[in-house]
């Protein structure tokens, strides 16, 4: 990672953990409440592409600089100038690519949310595997106020996350909800006081890094892929296939030995 991210203007990348196995990606445009400007979009794609390909990274955290906003959404001045051709690039090519990178990379992605998590910001969070939020966090899909719909997956992901009718209510009215309501409806995993959020995410990352790497990768991949199966039998077949693959790994042998010997496992990801 010596050169990747070194020239970024609106993204910060930090390797954390004893072996640098956790990558923190920070949206960094305080003046615009970390809005998804053209520059930030391109840099985010580069950062996520690196994270997905770099095998030494086992966990990714996505957050926003400062405490006022995780991400306030798209750059409205950029949206205003769009025609059909530009909109296709922004909403489909870039938006779809970001969604795919977040959801299909074979490592957990955690959103750490302070402040505003609106529009495109909430759509980013919806693509993450776990969402931890500060008590001050606010969530909304506000695109209806501009005469459009969420274009980075929000219209289809939110109903699957919180239920159809509640999602319709949020999307059609542009309703803003606080962290407690977001937790109540299953939009986020946990809520913490603002001054504890980062330490709690650090604890979660440490817990993930202590697990066998291949099992963690397999769990995310299986859950993501099985959700698209219309047949439970087909999904169960995928599960059995993944399990049989894991049984042949060195980490499985180590995990079972560590359990029987009442010690912590030492995993190599093989």
C-alpha atoms as a PDB file:
ATOM      1  CA  UNK A   1       0.000   0.000   0.000  1.00  0.00           C
ATOM      2  CA  UNK A   2       2.999   2.294  -0.332  1.00  0.00           C
ATOM      3  CA  UNK A   3       1.541   4.289  -3.202  1.00  0.00           C
ATOM      4  CA  UNK A   4      -2.188   3.550  -3.178  1.00  0.00           C
ATOM      5  CA  UNK A   5      -4.019   6.466  -1.599  1.00  0.00           C
ATOM      6  CA  UNK A   6      -0.928   8.625  -1.206  1.00  0.00           C
ATOM      7  CA  UNK A   7      -2.309  11.243  -3.597  1.00  0.00           C
ATOM      8  CA  UNK A   8      -5.923  11.117  -2.423  1.00  0.00           C
ATOM      9  CA  UNK A   9      -7.599  14.450  -1.796  1.00  0.00           C
ATOM     10  CA  UNK A  10     -10.865  13.350  -0.154  1.00  0.00           C
ATOM     11  CA  UNK A  11     -10.161   9.833   1.117  1.00  0.00           C
ATOM     12  CA  UNK A  12      -7.846   8.769   3.943  1.00  0.00           C
ATOM     13  CA  UNK A  13      -6.639   5.168   4.225  1.00  0.00           C
ATOM     14  CA  UNK A  14      -5.040   3.786   7.387  1.00  0.00           C
ATOM     15  CA  UNK A  15      -3.830   0.279   8.164  1.00  0.00           C
ATOM     16  CA  UNK A  16      -4.523  -0.686  11.788  1.00  0.00           C
ATOM     17  CA  UNK A  17      -4.070  -3.708  14.006  1.00  0.00           C
ATOM     18  CA  UNK A  18      -0.912  -5.530  14.997  1.00  0.00           C
ATOM     19  CA  UNK A  19      -0.293  -6.786  11.468  1.00  0.00           C
ATOM     20  CA  UNK A  20      -2.078  -3.984   9.620  1.00  0.00           C
ATOM     21  CA  UNK A  21      -4.888  -6.353   8.705  1.00  0.00           C
ATOM     22  CA  UNK A  22      -7.655  -3.766   9.179  1.00  0.00           C
ATOM     23  CA  UNK A  23      -8.058  -1.000   6.620  1.00  0.00           C
ATOM     24  CA  UNK A  24      -9.885   2.153   7.707  1.00  0.00           C
ATOM     25  CA  UNK A  25     -11.264   4.224   4.811  1.00  0.00           C
ATOM     26  CA  UNK A  26     -12.309   7.710   5.880  1.00  0.00           C
ATOM     27  CA  UNK A  27     -14.449   9.993   3.711  1.00  0.00           C
ATOM     28  CA  UNK A  28     -12.713  13.321   4.174  1.00  0.00           C
ATOM     29  CA  UNK A  29     -14.473  16.435   2.895  1.00  0.00           C
ATOM     30  CA  UNK A  30     -15.480  18.299   6.046  1.00  0.00           C
ATOM     31  CA  UNK A  31     -16.569  21.449   4.223  1.00  0.00           C
ATOM     32  CA  UNK A  32     -19.309  19.495   2.414  1.00  0.00           C
ATOM     33  CA  UNK A  33     -20.103  17.095   5.272  1.00  0.00           C
ATOM     34  CA  UNK A  34     -18.255  14.333   3.407  1.00  0.00           C
ATOM     35  CA  UNK A  35     -20.531  14.541   0.373  1.00  0.00           C
ATOM     36  CA  UNK A  36     -19.840  12.218  -2.537  1.00  0.00           C
ATOM     37  CA  UNK A  37     -18.154  14.640  -4.896  1.00  0.00           C
ATOM     38  CA  UNK A  38     -16.788  13.491  -8.235  1.00  0.00           C
ATOM     39  CA  UNK A  39     -13.308  13.293  -6.730  1.00  0.00           C
ATOM     40  CA  UNK A  40     -14.467  11.333  -3.704  1.00  0.00           C
ATOM     41  CA  UNK A  41     -16.371   8.818  -5.832  1.00  0.00           C
ATOM     42  CA  UNK A  42     -13.337   8.002  -7.942  1.00  0.00           C
ATOM     43  CA  UNK A  43     -11.048   7.808  -4.932  1.00  0.00           C
ATOM     44  CA  UNK A  44     -13.523   5.613  -3.064  1.00  0.00           C
ATOM     45  CA  UNK A  45     -13.624   3.186  -5.985  1.00  0.00           C
ATOM     46  CA  UNK A  46      -9.827   3.057  -6.009  1.00  0.00           C
ATOM     47  CA  UNK A  47      -9.650   2.503  -2.237  1.00  0.00           C
ATOM     48  CA  UNK A  48     -12.305  -0.237  -2.269  1.00  0.00           C
ATOM     49  CA  UNK A  49     -10.691  -1.935  -5.260  1.00  0.00           C
ATOM     50  CA  UNK A  50      -7.401  -2.020  -3.396  1.00  0.00           C
ATOM     51  CA  UNK A  51      -9.110  -3.357  -0.263  1.00  0.00           C
ATOM     52  CA  UNK A  52     -10.852  -6.119  -2.184  1.00  0.00           C
ATOM     53  CA  UNK A  53      -7.661  -7.305  -3.891  1.00  0.00           C
ATOM     54  CA  UNK A  54      -5.132  -6.946  -1.070  1.00  0.00           C
ATOM     55  CA  UNK A  55      -5.040 -10.351   0.615  1.00  0.00           C
ATOM     56  CA  UNK A  56      -3.292  -9.060   3.747  1.00  0.00           C
ATOM     57  CA  UNK A  57      -6.387  -6.969   4.573  1.00  0.00           C
ATOM     58  CA  UNK A  58      -8.958  -9.010   6.492  1.00  0.00           C
ATOM     59  CA  UNK A  59     -11.436  -6.329   7.567  1.00  0.00           C
ATOM     60  CA  UNK A  60     -12.477  -2.894   6.274  1.00  0.00           C
ATOM     61  CA  UNK A  61     -13.988   0.009   8.206  1.00  0.00           C
ATOM     62  CA  UNK A  62     -15.748   2.823   6.357  1.00  0.00           C
ATOM     63  CA  UNK A  63     -16.256   6.074   8.256  1.00  0.00           C
ATOM     64  CA  UNK A  64     -16.447   9.839   7.843  1.00  0.00           C
ATOM     65  CA  UNK A  65     -14.082  12.542   9.039  1.00  0.00           C
ATOM     66  CA  UNK A  66     -15.279  14.630  11.978  1.00  0.00           C
ATOM     67  CA  UNK A  67     -18.400  14.064  14.033  1.00  0.00           C
ATOM     68  CA  UNK A  68     -20.962  16.020  11.985  1.00  0.00           C
ATOM     69  CA  UNK A  69     -21.355  13.542   9.142  1.00  0.00           C
ATOM     70  CA  UNK A  70     -20.569  10.046   7.987  1.00  0.00           C
ATOM     71  CA  UNK A  71     -21.657  11.146   4.517  1.00  0.00           C
ATOM     72  CA  UNK A  72     -24.342  13.705   3.681  1.00  0.00           C
ATOM     73  CA  UNK A  73     -25.061  12.197   0.256  1.00  0.00           C
ATOM     74  CA  UNK A  74     -24.301  13.300  -3.265  1.00  0.00           C
ATOM     75  CA  UNK A  75     -22.875  16.593  -4.464  1.00  0.00           C
ATOM     76  CA  UNK A  76     -26.091  18.449  -5.395  1.00  0.00           C
ATOM     77  CA  UNK A  77     -24.284  20.869  -7.702  1.00  0.00           C
ATOM     78  CA  UNK A  78     -22.964  17.861  -9.608  1.00  0.00           C
ATOM     79  CA  UNK A  79     -26.393  16.243  -9.764  1.00  0.00           C
ATOM     80  CA  UNK A  80     -27.959  19.431 -11.132  1.00  0.00           C
ATOM     81  CA  UNK A  81     -25.700  19.403 -14.194  1.00  0.00           C
ATOM     82  CA  UNK A  82     -26.454  15.816 -15.191  1.00  0.00           C
ATOM     83  CA  UNK A  83     -28.011  14.618 -18.412  1.00  0.00           C
ATOM     84  CA  UNK A  84     -28.985  11.042 -19.222  1.00  0.00           C
ATOM     85  CA  UNK A  85     -25.468  10.081 -20.282  1.00  0.00           C
ATOM     86  CA  UNK A  86     -23.756  11.555 -17.214  1.00  0.00           C
ATOM     87  CA  UNK A  87     -26.460  10.190 -14.946  1.00  0.00           C
ATOM     88  CA  UNK A  88     -25.875   6.696 -16.274  1.00  0.00           C
ATOM     89  CA  UNK A  89     -22.203   6.922 -15.353  1.00  0.00           C
ATOM     90  CA  UNK A  90     -22.934   8.362 -11.900  1.00  0.00           C
ATOM     91  CA  UNK A  91     -25.858   6.204 -10.861  1.00  0.00           C
ATOM     92  CA  UNK A  92     -25.206   2.953 -12.656  1.00  0.00           C
ATOM     93  CA  UNK A  93     -21.557   2.559 -13.558  1.00  0.00           C
ATOM     94  CA  UNK A  94     -20.125   4.181 -10.430  1.00  0.00           C
ATOM     95  CA  UNK A  95     -22.938   3.423  -8.008  1.00  0.00           C
ATOM     96  CA  UNK A  96     -23.254  -0.204  -9.053  1.00  0.00           C
ATOM     97  CA  UNK A  97     -19.489  -0.660  -8.945  1.00  0.00           C
ATOM     98  CA  UNK A  98     -19.277   0.723  -5.407  1.00  0.00           C
ATOM     99  CA  UNK A  99     -22.126  -1.546  -4.301  1.00  0.00           C
ATOM    100  CA  UNK A 100     -20.456  -4.583  -5.814  1.00  0.00           C
ATOM    101  CA  UNK A 101     -17.112  -3.788  -4.230  1.00  0.00           C
ATOM    102  CA  UNK A 102     -18.657  -3.395  -0.772  1.00  0.00           C
ATOM    103  CA  UNK A 103     -20.937  -6.411  -0.867  1.00  0.00           C
ATOM    104  CA  UNK A 104     -18.832  -8.965  -2.723  1.00  0.00           C
ATOM    105  CA  UNK A 105     -15.321  -8.402  -1.360  1.00  0.00           C
ATOM    106  CA  UNK A 106     -14.563 -11.516   0.682  1.00  0.00           C
ATOM    107  CA  UNK A 107     -13.926  -9.677   3.937  1.00  0.00           C
ATOM    108  CA  UNK A 108     -16.267  -7.914   6.376  1.00  0.00           C
ATOM    109  CA  UNK A 109     -16.972  -4.213   5.858  1.00  0.00           C
ATOM    110  CA  UNK A 110     -18.081  -2.196   8.884  1.00  0.00           C
ATOM    111  CA  UNK A 111     -19.634   1.276   8.780  1.00  0.00           C
ATOM    112  CA  UNK A 112     -18.817   3.554  11.739  1.00  0.00           C
ATOM    113  CA  UNK A 113     -21.402   6.346  11.583  1.00  0.00           C
ATOM    114  CA  UNK A 114     -21.226   9.752  13.237  1.00  0.00           C
ATOM    115  CA  UNK A 115     -23.775  12.473  12.454  1.00  0.00           C
ATOM    116  CA  UNK A 116     -25.540  12.713   9.100  1.00  0.00           C
ATOM    117  CA  UNK A 117     -25.932   9.503   7.116  1.00  0.00           C
ATOM    118  CA  UNK A 118     -28.144  10.749   4.306  1.00  0.00           C
ATOM    119  CA  UNK A 119     -28.959   9.726   0.736  1.00  0.00           C
ATOM    120  CA  UNK A 120     -25.805   8.256  -0.831  1.00  0.00           C
ATOM    121  CA  UNK A 121     -24.270   8.024   2.627  1.00  0.00           C
ATOM    122  CA  UNK A 122     -27.042   5.732   3.831  1.00  0.00           C
ATOM    123  CA  UNK A 123     -26.755   3.764   0.609  1.00  0.00           C
ATOM    124  CA  UNK A 124     -23.087   3.145   1.397  1.00  0.00           C
ATOM    125  CA  UNK A 125     -24.006   2.005   4.904  1.00  0.00           C
ATOM    126  CA  UNK A 126     -26.679  -0.340   3.519  1.00  0.00           C
ATOM    127  CA  UNK A 127     -23.961  -2.132   1.558  1.00  0.00           C
ATOM    128  CA  UNK A 128     -21.828  -2.727   4.642  1.00  0.00           C
ATOM    129  CA  UNK A 129     -21.977  -5.963   6.605  1.00  0.00           C
ATOM    130  CA  UNK A 130     -22.364  -4.273   9.993  1.00  0.00           C
ATOM    131  CA  UNK A 131     -23.255  -0.707  10.987  1.00  0.00           C
ATOM    132  CA  UNK A 132     -22.239   0.801  14.322  1.00  0.00           C
ATOM    133  CA  UNK A 133     -23.543   4.286  15.049  1.00  0.00           C
ATOM    134  CA  UNK A 134     -23.100   7.108  17.527  1.00  0.00           C
ATOM    135  CA  UNK A 135     -26.167   8.253  19.438  1.00  0.00           C
ATOM    136  CA  UNK A 136     -26.007  11.505  17.465  1.00  0.00           C
ATOM    137  CA  UNK A 137     -26.310   9.766  14.078  1.00  0.00           C
ATOM    138  CA  UNK A 138     -29.222  10.626  11.761  1.00  0.00           C
ATOM    139  CA  UNK A 139     -30.362   8.461   8.851  1.00  0.00           C
ATOM    140  CA  UNK A 140     -32.450   9.293   5.776  1.00  0.00           C
ATOM    141  CA  UNK A 141     -32.925   8.722   2.071  1.00  0.00           C
ATOM    142  CA  UNK A 142     -33.675  12.309   1.080  1.00  0.00           C
ATOM    143  CA  UNK A 143     -33.613  12.020  -2.719  1.00  0.00           C
ATOM    144  CA  UNK A 144     -37.378  12.492  -3.088  1.00  0.00           C
ATOM    145  CA  UNK A 145     -36.885  16.135  -2.083  1.00  0.00           C
ATOM    146  CA  UNK A 146     -34.882  16.605  -5.297  1.00  0.00           C
ATOM    147  CA  UNK A 147     -37.484  14.915  -7.469  1.00  0.00           C
ATOM    148  CA  UNK A 148     -35.512  11.681  -7.867  1.00  0.00           C
ATOM    149  CA  UNK A 149     -35.153   8.272  -6.218  1.00  0.00           C
ATOM    150  CA  UNK A 150     -32.155   6.789  -4.408  1.00  0.00           C
ATOM    151  CA  UNK A 151     -29.846   5.740  -7.239  1.00  0.00           C
ATOM    152  CA  UNK A 152     -27.071   3.820  -5.493  1.00  0.00           C
ATOM    153  CA  UNK A 153     -29.219   0.885  -4.388  1.00  0.00           C
ATOM    154  CA  UNK A 154     -31.226   2.502  -1.598  1.00  0.00           C
ATOM    155  CA  UNK A 155     -34.626   1.905  -3.176  1.00  0.00           C
ATOM    156  CA  UNK A 156     -34.018  -1.847  -3.362  1.00  0.00           C
ATOM    157  CA  UNK A 157     -31.777  -2.456  -0.352  1.00  0.00           C
ATOM    158  CA  UNK A 158     -33.742  -0.566   2.306  1.00  0.00           C
ATOM    159  CA  UNK A 159     -36.959  -2.648   1.860  1.00  0.00           C
ATOM    160  CA  UNK A 160     -34.902  -5.804   2.205  1.00  0.00           C
ATOM    161  CA  UNK A 161     -33.269  -4.470   5.353  1.00  0.00           C
ATOM    162  CA  UNK A 162     -36.187  -3.019   7.339  1.00  0.00           C
ATOM    163  CA  UNK A 163     -39.347  -4.283   5.611  1.00  0.00           C
ATOM    164  CA  UNK A 164     -41.325  -2.987   2.674  1.00  0.00           C
ATOM    165  CA  UNK A 165     -43.853  -0.649   4.278  1.00  0.00           C
ATOM    166  CA  UNK A 166     -41.382   1.068   6.604  1.00  0.00           C
ATOM    167  CA  UNK A 167     -38.984   1.536   3.701  1.00  0.00           C
ATOM    168  CA  UNK A 168     -41.732   3.020   1.548  1.00  0.00           C
ATOM    169  CA  UNK A 169     -42.475   5.489   4.336  1.00  0.00           C
ATOM    170  CA  UNK A 170     -38.848   6.577   4.605  1.00  0.00           C
ATOM    171  CA  UNK A 171     -38.220   6.800   0.858  1.00  0.00           C
ATOM    172  CA  UNK A 172     -41.496   8.512  -0.115  1.00  0.00           C
ATOM    173  CA  UNK A 173     -41.414  11.091   2.693  1.00  0.00           C
ATOM    174  CA  UNK A 174     -37.657  11.545   3.011  1.00  0.00           C
ATOM    175  CA  UNK A 175     -38.072  10.958   6.757  1.00  0.00           C
ATOM    176  CA  UNK A 176     -35.060  11.466   8.992  1.00  0.00           C
ATOM    177  CA  UNK A 177     -34.670   9.035  11.872  1.00  0.00           C
ATOM    178  CA  UNK A 178     -32.290   8.981  14.822  1.00  0.00           C
ATOM    179  CA  UNK A 179     -29.941   6.193  15.824  1.00  0.00           C
ATOM    180  CA  UNK A 180     -32.333   4.629  18.325  1.00  0.00           C
ATOM    181  CA  UNK A 181     -35.089   4.333  15.718  1.00  0.00           C
ATOM    182  CA  UNK A 182     -32.582   3.002  13.189  1.00  0.00           C
ATOM    183  CA  UNK A 183     -31.615   0.336  15.710  1.00  0.00           C
ATOM    184  CA  UNK A 184     -35.247  -0.466  16.537  1.00  0.00           C
ATOM    185  CA  UNK A 185     -36.142  -1.164  12.909  1.00  0.00           C
ATOM    186  CA  UNK A 186     -33.016  -3.194  12.217  1.00  0.00           C
ATOM    187  CA  UNK A 187     -31.211  -0.677  10.040  1.00  0.00           C
ATOM    188  CA  UNK A 188     -28.081  -0.676  12.214  1.00  0.00           C
ATOM    189  CA  UNK A 189     -26.428  -3.182  14.555  1.00  0.00           C
ATOM    190  CA  UNK A 190     -25.591  -1.143  17.646  1.00  0.00           C
ATOM    191  CA  UNK A 191     -25.671   2.380  19.094  1.00  0.00           C
ATOM    192  CA  UNK A 192     -22.981   3.900  21.316  1.00  0.00           C
ATOM    193  CA  UNK A 193     -22.181   7.265  22.896  1.00  0.00           C
ATOM    194  CA  UNK A 194     -20.206   9.299  20.378  1.00  0.00           C
ATOM    195  CA  UNK A 195     -16.995   9.124  22.407  1.00  0.00           C
ATOM    196  CA  UNK A 196     -17.146   5.315  22.487  1.00  0.00           C
ATOM    197  CA  UNK A 197     -17.969   4.587  18.849  1.00  0.00           C
ATOM    198  CA  UNK A 198     -14.456   4.213  17.473  1.00  0.00           C
ATOM    199  CA  UNK A 199     -13.226   2.126  20.408  1.00  0.00           C
ATOM    200  CA  UNK A 200     -16.240  -0.174  20.037  1.00  0.00           C
ATOM    201  CA  UNK A 201     -15.555  -0.581  16.327  1.00  0.00           C
ATOM    202  CA  UNK A 202     -11.926  -1.334  17.198  1.00  0.00           C
ATOM    203  CA  UNK A 203     -13.176  -4.065  19.551  1.00  0.00           C
ATOM    204  CA  UNK A 204     -15.341  -5.530  16.800  1.00  0.00           C
ATOM    205  CA  UNK A 205     -12.426  -5.506  14.366  1.00  0.00           C
ATOM    206  CA  UNK A 206     -10.197  -7.251  16.903  1.00  0.00           C
ATOM    207  CA  UNK A 207     -12.856  -9.908  17.442  1.00  0.00           C
ATOM    208  CA  UNK A 208     -13.097 -10.532  13.687  1.00  0.00           C
ATOM    209  CA  UNK A 209      -9.327 -10.672  13.228  1.00  0.00           C
ATOM    210  CA  UNK A 210      -9.095 -13.282  15.994  1.00  0.00           C
ATOM    211  CA  UNK A 211     -11.283 -15.678  13.970  1.00  0.00           C
ATOM    212  CA  UNK A 212     -10.062 -18.100  11.272  1.00  0.00           C
ATOM    213  CA  UNK A 213      -9.739 -15.975   8.103  1.00  0.00           C
ATOM    214  CA  UNK A 214     -11.141 -18.526   5.664  1.00  0.00           C
ATOM    215  CA  UNK A 215     -14.225 -19.154   7.793  1.00  0.00           C
ATOM    216  CA  UNK A 216     -14.911 -15.413   7.987  1.00  0.00           C
ATOM    217  CA  UNK A 217     -14.548 -15.043   4.230  1.00  0.00           C
ATOM    218  CA  UNK A 218     -16.754 -18.064   3.604  1.00  0.00           C
ATOM    219  CA  UNK A 219     -19.474 -16.790   5.938  1.00  0.00           C
ATOM    220  CA  UNK A 220     -19.789 -13.421   4.183  1.00  0.00           C
ATOM    221  CA  UNK A 221     -19.705 -14.977   0.714  1.00  0.00           C
ATOM    222  CA  UNK A 222     -22.251 -17.674   1.539  1.00  0.00           C
ATOM    223  CA  UNK A 223     -24.719 -15.314   3.213  1.00  0.00           C
ATOM    224  CA  UNK A 224     -24.521 -12.806   0.361  1.00  0.00           C
ATOM    225  CA  UNK A 225     -24.872 -15.379  -2.403  1.00  0.00           C
ATOM    226  CA  UNK A 226     -27.552 -17.486  -0.692  1.00  0.00           C
ATOM    227  CA  UNK A 227     -29.842 -14.466  -0.259  1.00  0.00           C
ATOM    228  CA  UNK A 228     -30.260 -14.337  -4.034  1.00  0.00           C
ATOM    229  CA  UNK A 229     -31.397 -17.986  -4.133  1.00  0.00           C
ATOM    230  CA  UNK A 230     -35.119 -18.515  -4.518  1.00  0.00           C
ATOM    231  CA  UNK A 231     -34.716 -22.123  -3.397  1.00  0.00           C
ATOM    232  CA  UNK A 232     -33.790 -22.998   0.192  1.00  0.00           C
ATOM    233  CA  UNK A 233     -32.572 -26.369  -1.052  1.00  0.00           C
ATOM    234  CA  UNK A 234     -30.168 -24.682  -3.466  1.00  0.00           C
ATOM    235  CA  UNK A 235     -28.949 -22.361  -0.701  1.00  0.00           C
ATOM    236  CA  UNK A 236     -28.427 -25.322   1.628  1.00  0.00           C
ATOM    237  CA  UNK A 237     -26.416 -27.070  -1.078  1.00  0.00           C
ATOM    238  CA  UNK A 238     -24.172 -24.009  -1.303  1.00  0.00           C
ATOM    239  CA  UNK A 239     -23.787 -24.117   2.478  1.00  0.00           C
ATOM    240  CA  UNK A 240     -22.747 -27.785   2.459  1.00  0.00           C
ATOM    241  CA  UNK A 241     -20.250 -27.173  -0.329  1.00  0.00           C
ATOM    242  CA  UNK A 242     -18.650 -24.292   1.579  1.00  0.00           C
ATOM    243  CA  UNK A 243     -18.537 -26.374   4.756  1.00  0.00           C
ATOM    244  CA  UNK A 244     -16.832 -29.300   3.001  1.00  0.00           C
ATOM    245  CA  UNK A 245     -14.223 -26.905   1.620  1.00  0.00           C
ATOM    246  CA  UNK A 246     -13.501 -25.523   5.111  1.00  0.00           C
ATOM    247  CA  UNK A 247     -13.160 -28.999   6.622  1.00  0.00           C
ATOM    248  CA  UNK A 248     -10.092 -29.531   4.430  1.00  0.00           C
ATOM    249  CA  UNK A 249      -8.275 -26.422   5.651  1.00  0.00           C
ATOM    250  CA  UNK A 250      -5.376 -26.196   8.094  1.00  0.00           C
ATOM    251  CA  UNK A 251      -7.357 -23.617  10.072  1.00  0.00           C
ATOM    252  CA  UNK A 252     -10.110 -26.166  10.711  1.00  0.00           C
ATOM    253  CA  UNK A 253      -7.564 -28.615  12.112  1.00  0.00           C
ATOM    254  CA  UNK A 254      -6.123 -25.847  14.284  1.00  0.00           C
ATOM    255  CA  UNK A 255      -9.549 -24.678  15.440  1.00  0.00           C
ATOM    256  CA  UNK A 256     -10.666 -28.124  16.548  1.00  0.00           C
ATOM    257  CA  UNK A 257      -7.304 -28.829  18.226  1.00  0.00           C
ATOM    258  CA  UNK A 258      -7.412 -25.498  20.070  1.00  0.00           C
ATOM    259  CA  UNK A 259     -10.931 -26.231  21.329  1.00  0.00           C
ATOM    260  CA  UNK A 260     -10.017 -29.671  22.632  1.00  0.00           C
ATOM    261  CA  UNK A 261      -6.797 -28.380  24.200  1.00  0.00           C
ATOM    262  CA  UNK A 262      -8.586 -25.411  25.773  1.00  0.00           C
ATOM    263  CA  UNK A 263      -6.342 -22.782  24.182  1.00  0.00           C
ATOM    264  CA  UNK A 264      -6.642 -19.961  21.675  1.00  0.00           C
ATOM    265  CA  UNK A 265      -6.265 -20.937  18.069  1.00  0.00           C
ATOM    266  CA  UNK A 266      -3.433 -19.616  15.899  1.00  0.00           C
ATOM    267  CA  UNK A 267      -4.793 -19.287  12.385  1.00  0.00           C
ATOM    268  CA  UNK A 268      -2.879 -18.906   9.115  1.00  0.00           C
ATOM    269  CA  UNK A 269      -5.667 -18.567   6.582  1.00  0.00           C
ATOM    270  CA  UNK A 270      -4.806 -21.826   4.838  1.00  0.00           C
END
